[in-house]
Amino acid sequence: MLPFRSEIRNSPSHPTIKIFLSDEALVPRIKKHLDHFDDVELVEIRKTYGRNREGDNLTIFLKDHADITKMKSSIDSSLWWYFEEDLVD
């Protein structure tokens, strides 16, 4: 099982990136990690509603000038690095 999954959600008011973690205990730690990105305006922990979904997800709101596709790629890379480092420790 992968440690996380990310999705771009294109809402009309504000596109977001959603992060679904396989280990919900890591949600607060990953939120703190994501708060340090320059183009991230806000990271919220939200309940997930839906079949076969994790209980909580992280919803990332970007600043207006940010490119959502590039930020998703950057966040994904950072999270892969984060989980690889965590597995080595």
Protein backbone atom coordinates (compact mmCIF):
# COMPACT_ATOMS: atom_id res chain seq x y z
CA MET A 1 0.00 0.00 0.00
CA LEU A 2 1.27 3.45 -0.88
CA PRO A 3 1.88 5.84 2.04
CA PHE A 4 -0.18 8.62 0.40
CA ARG A 5 -2.28 9.60 -2.57
CA SER A 6 -2.79 13.11 -3.91
CA GLU A 7 -5.46 14.61 -6.15
CA ILE A 8 -6.13 18.00 -7.68
CA ARG A 9 -9.69 19.15 -7.06
CA ASN A 10 -10.81 21.84 -9.49
CA SER A 11 -13.55 23.68 -7.69
CA PRO A 12 -14.84 26.86 -9.34
CA SER A 13 -14.02 29.02 -6.32
CA HIS A 14 -10.59 27.72 -5.36
CA PRO A 15 -8.71 24.70 -6.78
CA THR A 16 -7.16 22.55 -4.06
CA ILE A 17 -4.84 19.60 -3.63
CA LYS A 18 -6.08 16.76 -1.44
CA ILE A 19 -3.67 14.39 0.31
CA PHE A 20 -4.97 11.04 1.56
CA LEU A 21 -2.59 9.24 3.93
CA SER A 22 -2.62 5.50 4.53
CA ASP A 23 -1.65 6.11 8.19
CA GLU A 24 -4.01 8.68 9.72
CA ALA A 25 -1.73 9.08 12.74
CA LEU A 26 0.67 10.98 10.45
CA VAL A 27 -1.88 13.62 9.43
CA PRO A 28 -0.71 16.29 11.95
CA ARG A 29 2.99 15.69 11.12
CA ILE A 30 2.41 15.91 7.38
CA LYS A 31 0.28 19.03 7.84
CA LYS A 32 3.18 20.69 9.65
CA HIS A 33 5.53 19.60 6.84
CA LEU A 34 3.24 21.07 4.15
CA ASP A 35 2.78 24.37 6.01
CA HIS A 36 6.39 25.25 5.12
CA PHE A 37 5.83 25.49 1.36
CA ASP A 38 6.01 29.11 0.16
CA ASP A 39 3.05 28.86 -2.23
CA VAL A 40 0.76 27.17 0.30
CA GLU A 41 -1.73 29.54 1.85
CA LEU A 42 -3.50 27.10 4.15
CA VAL A 43 -3.56 23.38 5.00
CA GLU A 44 -6.70 22.04 6.65
CA ILE A 45 -7.45 18.65 8.14
CA ARG A 46 -10.87 17.59 6.90
CA LYS A 47 -13.11 14.57 7.30
CA THR A 48 -13.41 12.42 4.21
CA TYR A 49 -16.86 11.28 3.21
CA GLY A 50 -17.10 8.50 0.70
CA ARG A 51 -16.85 4.81 0.22
CA ASN A 52 -13.43 3.17 0.65
CA ARG A 53 -11.74 6.40 1.73
CA GLU A 54 -9.56 7.27 4.66
CA GLY A 55 -11.19 9.09 7.60
CA ASP A 56 -9.21 12.35 7.32
CA ASN A 57 -7.51 14.13 4.47
CA LEU A 58 -5.35 17.20 4.11
CA THR A 59 -6.76 19.91 1.89
CA ILE A 60 -4.14 22.33 0.58
CA PHE A 61 -5.16 25.82 -0.54
CA LEU A 62 -2.57 27.60 -2.66
CA LYS A 63 -1.83 31.28 -3.04
CA ASP A 64 -3.44 32.92 -6.06
CA HIS A 65 -0.28 33.09 -8.19
CA ALA A 66 0.70 29.43 -7.66
CA ASP A 67 0.60 26.87 -10.48
CA ILE A 68 -1.43 23.99 -9.06
CA THR A 69 0.12 21.34 -11.33
CA LYS A 70 3.68 22.33 -10.42
CA MET A 71 2.79 22.51 -6.74
CA LYS A 72 1.22 19.05 -6.79
CA SER A 73 4.39 17.68 -8.37
CA SER A 74 6.55 19.48 -5.81
CA ILE A 75 4.42 18.29 -2.89
CA ASP A 76 4.40 14.70 -4.20
CA SER A 77 8.20 14.73 -4.53
CA SER A 78 8.59 16.15 -1.06
CA LEU A 79 6.27 13.57 0.45
CA TRP A 80 8.08 10.68 -1.28
CA TRP A 81 11.33 12.03 0.14
CA TYR A 82 9.68 12.44 3.57
CA PHE A 83 8.43 8.86 3.65
CA GLU A 84 11.72 7.40 2.37
CA GLU A 85 13.65 9.29 5.08
CA ASP A 86 11.11 8.16 7.68
CA LEU A 87 11.50 4.53 6.62
CA VAL A 88 15.30 4.76 6.87
CA ASP A 89 15.22 6.12 10.45
